[in-house]
N, C-alpha and C. Protein backbone atom coordinates (compact mmCIF):
# COMPACT_ATOMS: atom_id res chain seq x y z
N UNK A 1 1.82 -55.07 1.00
CA UNK A 1 3.10 -55.09 1.88
C UNK A 1 3.27 -54.35 3.08
N UNK A 2 3.89 -54.14 3.84
CA UNK A 2 4.32 -53.83 5.09
C UNK A 2 5.64 -52.98 5.16
N UNK A 3 4.81 -51.79 5.34
CA UNK A 3 5.48 -49.83 5.48
C UNK A 3 6.25 -50.13 6.87
N UNK A 4 7.90 -50.48 6.72
CA UNK A 4 7.96 -50.41 7.89
C UNK A 4 8.66 -48.84 8.09
N UNK A 5 8.62 -47.15 9.29
CA UNK A 5 9.40 -46.63 8.92
C UNK A 5 10.20 -46.20 10.28
N UNK A 6 11.59 -46.56 10.02
CA UNK A 6 12.19 -45.82 11.59
C UNK A 6 12.75 -44.40 11.49
N UNK A 7 12.08 -44.02 12.64
CA UNK A 7 12.59 -42.58 13.16
C UNK A 7 14.43 -42.63 12.27
N UNK A 8 14.52 -41.16 11.91
CA UNK A 8 16.15 -41.69 11.93
C UNK A 8 16.45 -39.66 12.32
N UNK A 9 15.52 -39.40 13.12
CA UNK A 9 15.59 -37.57 13.48
C UNK A 9 17.12 -37.72 13.95
N UNK A 10 17.42 -36.42 13.98
CA UNK A 10 18.75 -36.54 15.44
C UNK A 10 18.72 -37.35 17.07
N UNK A 11 17.59 -37.17 17.73
CA UNK A 11 16.79 -37.58 18.85
C UNK A 11 16.54 -39.47 18.53
N UNK A 12 16.30 -39.85 17.78
CA UNK A 12 16.42 -40.99 17.61
C UNK A 12 17.64 -41.88 17.03
N UNK A 13 18.91 -41.01 16.22
CA UNK A 13 19.91 -41.37 15.51
C UNK A 13 20.87 -41.57 16.94
N UNK A 14 20.77 -41.10 18.05
CA UNK A 14 21.59 -41.05 19.03
C UNK A 14 21.31 -41.77 19.68
N UNK A 15 19.86 -42.60 19.59
CA UNK A 15 19.37 -43.22 20.21
C UNK A 15 20.01 -45.16 20.03
N UNK A 16 20.30 -45.26 18.51
CA UNK A 16 20.41 -45.96 18.53
C UNK A 16 19.86 -46.23 16.78
N UNK A 17 19.26 -45.37 16.13
CA UNK A 17 18.10 -45.60 14.82
C UNK A 17 19.55 -46.65 13.80
N UNK A 18 20.60 -45.80 13.31
CA UNK A 18 21.32 -47.02 12.77
C UNK A 18 21.50 -48.48 12.64
N UNK A 19 20.92 -48.43 14.33
CA UNK A 19 21.82 -49.97 14.44
C UNK A 19 20.47 -51.04 14.35
N UNK A 20 19.25 -49.78 14.37
CA UNK A 20 18.08 -50.84 14.54
C UNK A 20 17.48 -50.55 12.38
N UNK A 21 18.04 -49.89 12.53
CA UNK A 21 18.21 -49.90 10.52
C UNK A 21 18.49 -51.09 10.23
N UNK A 22 19.94 -51.45 10.70
CA UNK A 22 20.80 -52.67 10.26
C UNK A 22 20.09 -53.98 10.64
N UNK A 23 19.58 -53.85 11.49
CA UNK A 23 19.39 -55.27 12.20
C UNK A 23 17.41 -54.92 11.36
N UNK A 24 17.13 -54.17 10.57
CA UNK A 24 15.89 -54.48 10.44
C UNK A 24 16.12 -55.43 9.05
N UNK A 25 17.28 -54.23 7.88
CA UNK A 25 17.68 -54.82 6.50
C UNK A 25 18.16 -56.30 6.60
N UNK A 26 18.89 -56.46 7.59
CA UNK A 26 19.61 -57.90 8.16
C UNK A 26 18.14 -59.11 7.83
N UNK A 27 17.12 -58.61 9.32
CA UNK A 27 15.93 -59.66 9.48
C UNK A 27 15.26 -59.71 8.64
N UNK A 28 15.16 -59.39 7.30
CA UNK A 28 14.01 -58.83 6.13
C UNK A 28 15.00 -59.64 5.50
N UNK A 29 16.60 -59.67 4.93
CA UNK A 29 16.97 -60.71 4.16
C UNK A 29 17.36 -61.88 4.60
N UNK A 30 17.42 -62.55 5.80
CA UNK A 30 17.10 -63.61 6.34
C UNK A 30 15.96 -64.29 6.31
N UNK A 31 15.03 -63.65 6.20
CA UNK A 31 13.56 -64.03 6.28
C UNK A 31 13.53 -64.08 5.09
N UNK A 32 13.97 -63.66 4.22
CA UNK A 32 13.31 -63.45 2.47
C UNK A 32 12.41 -62.42 2.70
N UNK A 33 12.30 -61.63 2.80
CA UNK A 33 10.31 -60.97 2.59
C UNK A 33 11.19 -59.34 2.44
N UNK A 34 11.84 -59.34 1.55
CA UNK A 34 12.49 -58.82 0.54
C UNK A 34 11.40 -57.55 0.25
N UNK A 35 9.99 -59.21 -0.60
CA UNK A 35 9.20 -58.90 -1.24
C UNK A 35 8.18 -58.28 -0.76
N UNK A 36 8.04 -58.75 0.89
CA UNK A 36 6.90 -57.99 1.63
C UNK A 36 7.22 -56.99 2.43
N UNK A 37 8.25 -56.32 2.47
CA UNK A 37 8.48 -55.29 3.73
C UNK A 37 9.59 -53.99 2.90
N UNK A 38 8.54 -53.11 3.25
CA UNK A 38 9.57 -51.79 2.42
C UNK A 38 10.16 -50.68 4.02
N UNK A 39 11.45 -50.71 3.68
CA UNK A 39 12.17 -50.35 5.15
C UNK A 39 12.32 -48.47 3.91
N UNK A 40 11.52 -48.21 5.04
CA UNK A 40 11.85 -46.35 5.03
C UNK A 40 12.22 -46.02 5.81
N UNK A 41 12.49 -44.42 5.80
CA UNK A 41 12.94 -43.68 7.38
C UNK A 41 12.62 -42.29 6.89
N UNK A 42 12.38 -41.65 7.98
CA UNK A 42 11.74 -41.01 8.41
C UNK A 42 12.41 -39.67 9.69
N UNK A 43 11.81 -37.98 9.12
CA UNK A 43 12.89 -37.56 10.20
C UNK A 43 11.37 -38.05 11.47
N UNK A 44 11.68 -36.85 12.01
CA UNK A 44 11.07 -36.31 13.63
C UNK A 44 9.78 -37.34 13.41
N UNK A 45 9.13 -38.67 14.14
CA UNK A 45 7.67 -38.56 14.13
C UNK A 45 7.35 -38.04 15.75
N UNK A 46 7.69 -37.70 16.47
CA UNK A 46 7.15 -36.60 17.31
C UNK A 46 6.51 -37.48 18.54
N UNK A 47 7.53 -38.60 18.62
CA UNK A 47 7.30 -39.85 19.65
C UNK A 47 8.36 -40.02 20.11
N UNK A 48 8.64 -38.56 20.89
CA UNK A 48 10.45 -39.42 21.04
C UNK A 48 10.54 -40.05 23.03
N UNK A 49 11.14 -40.72 23.06
CA UNK A 49 10.70 -41.71 24.04
C UNK A 49 12.41 -41.47 24.87
N UNK A 50 12.41 -41.70 26.05
CA UNK A 50 13.67 -41.80 26.36
C UNK A 50 14.89 -42.58 25.93
N UNK A 51 14.57 -43.55 26.22
CA UNK A 51 14.75 -45.10 25.91
C UNK A 51 14.93 -45.89 23.97
N UNK A 52 15.98 -45.88 22.97
CA UNK A 52 15.44 -45.97 22.17
C UNK A 52 14.82 -45.35 21.04
N UNK A 53 14.21 -46.16 19.78
CA UNK A 53 13.61 -45.57 18.47
C UNK A 53 12.39 -45.31 18.35
N UNK A 54 12.17 -44.70 17.56
CA UNK A 54 10.71 -44.86 17.40
C UNK A 54 10.92 -45.27 15.72
N UNK A 55 9.31 -46.74 15.96
CA UNK A 55 9.15 -47.34 14.38
C UNK A 55 8.05 -47.24 14.29
N UNK A 56 7.48 -46.98 12.90
CA UNK A 56 5.97 -47.04 12.36
C UNK A 56 6.08 -48.19 11.17
N UNK A 57 5.42 -49.18 12.15
CA UNK A 57 4.78 -50.02 11.11
C UNK A 57 2.92 -50.52 10.34
N UNK A 58 2.84 -49.97 9.00
CA UNK A 58 1.81 -49.18 8.26
C UNK A 58 1.31 -48.16 9.37
N UNK A 59 0.35 -48.57 10.09
CA UNK A 59 -0.21 -47.10 11.58
C UNK A 59 0.12 -47.23 12.46
N UNK A 60 0.58 -48.15 13.63
CA UNK A 60 1.34 -48.51 14.38
C UNK A 60 2.26 -47.97 14.60
N UNK A 61 2.51 -46.99 15.93
CA UNK A 61 3.87 -46.87 16.42
C UNK A 61 4.06 -47.43 17.92
N UNK A 62 5.17 -47.61 17.10
CA UNK A 62 5.57 -48.40 17.89
C UNK A 62 7.37 -47.63 18.82
N UNK A 63 7.42 -46.79 19.88
CA UNK A 63 8.46 -46.32 21.05
C UNK A 63 9.33 -47.71 21.56
N UNK A 64 10.72 -46.39 21.92
CA UNK A 64 12.10 -48.02 22.63
C UNK A 64 12.23 -48.90 22.07
N UNK A 65 12.41 -48.91 20.95
CA UNK A 65 12.66 -50.36 19.48
C UNK A 65 14.77 -49.86 20.09
N UNK A 66 15.13 -51.24 20.70
CA UNK A 66 16.79 -51.30 21.23
C UNK A 66 17.66 -52.09 20.81
N UNK A 67 18.35 -51.89 20.42
CA UNK A 67 19.27 -53.26 20.11
C UNK A 67 18.24 -54.53 20.93
N UNK A 68 18.85 -54.25 22.16
CA UNK A 68 17.88 -55.34 23.50
C UNK A 68 17.03 -56.11 22.90
N UNK A 69 15.94 -55.21 22.82
CA UNK A 69 14.19 -55.87 22.00
C UNK A 69 13.94 -55.43 20.90
N UNK A 70 15.09 -55.96 19.94
CA UNK A 70 14.93 -56.66 18.54
C UNK A 70 14.05 -57.04 18.25
N UNK A 71 15.27 -58.08 18.89
CA UNK A 71 13.99 -59.64 18.38
C UNK A 71 13.09 -59.73 19.23
N UNK A 72 12.49 -59.41 20.04
CA UNK A 72 10.92 -59.43 20.76
C UNK A 72 9.81 -58.16 20.34
N UNK A 73 10.79 -57.10 19.44
CA UNK A 73 9.99 -56.36 18.48
C UNK A 73 9.61 -57.22 17.31
N UNK A 74 10.61 -58.10 16.72
CA UNK A 74 10.78 -57.86 15.24
C UNK A 74 9.38 -59.41 15.60
N UNK A 75 9.91 -60.44 16.50
CA UNK A 75 8.71 -61.53 15.75
C UNK A 75 7.37 -61.82 16.89
N UNK A 76 7.10 -60.37 17.55
CA UNK A 76 5.66 -60.06 18.70
C UNK A 76 4.91 -58.93 17.20
N UNK A 77 6.06 -58.13 16.45
CA UNK A 77 5.11 -56.94 15.90
C UNK A 77 5.32 -57.03 14.38
N UNK A 78 6.70 -57.14 14.06
CA UNK A 78 7.23 -57.44 12.40
C UNK A 78 6.27 -58.48 12.26
N UNK A 79 6.69 -59.52 12.68
CA UNK A 79 6.42 -60.85 11.37
C UNK A 79 4.46 -61.36 11.49
N UNK A 80 3.89 -60.86 12.69
CA UNK A 80 2.50 -60.81 12.83
C UNK A 80 2.09 -60.40 11.35
N UNK A 81 2.64 -58.65 11.45
CA UNK A 81 1.68 -57.87 10.06
C UNK A 81 1.91 -58.54 9.05
N UNK A 82 3.36 -59.08 8.97
CA UNK A 82 3.70 -59.92 7.68
C UNK A 82 2.57 -60.58 7.34
N UNK A 83 2.39 -61.68 8.20
CA UNK A 83 1.83 -63.18 8.12
C UNK A 83 -0.27 -62.22 7.38
N UNK A 84 -0.53 -61.20 8.34
CA UNK A 84 -2.04 -60.14 8.81
C UNK A 84 -1.68 -59.98 6.92
N UNK A 85 -0.92 -58.96 6.39
CA UNK A 85 -0.31 -58.18 5.44
C UNK A 85 -0.94 -59.47 4.39
N UNK A 86 -0.58 -60.84 4.14
CA UNK A 86 -0.10 -61.28 3.29
C UNK A 86 -1.75 -62.19 2.80
N UNK A 87 -2.82 -62.32 4.18
CA UNK A 87 -3.84 -62.99 3.83
C UNK A 87 -4.91 -62.03 3.30
């Protein structure tokens, strides 16, 4: 099971955390990964960045996730992590 934790602290909230949560929910549903991915929220992860939201995938922390780079993040980080978790 892949754990994806989205920072919803004040800084990330202002930078678009609600949009990233929505995009993740939609992508999980569209790819039928409800049994493979758990989405959770967290307060500040201490990795504030000038741009975007901080997202932790299992133990890997990614900063700067935005609506604009979400597709790349999904395809290069989430989908491979799901595949590795299934193996």
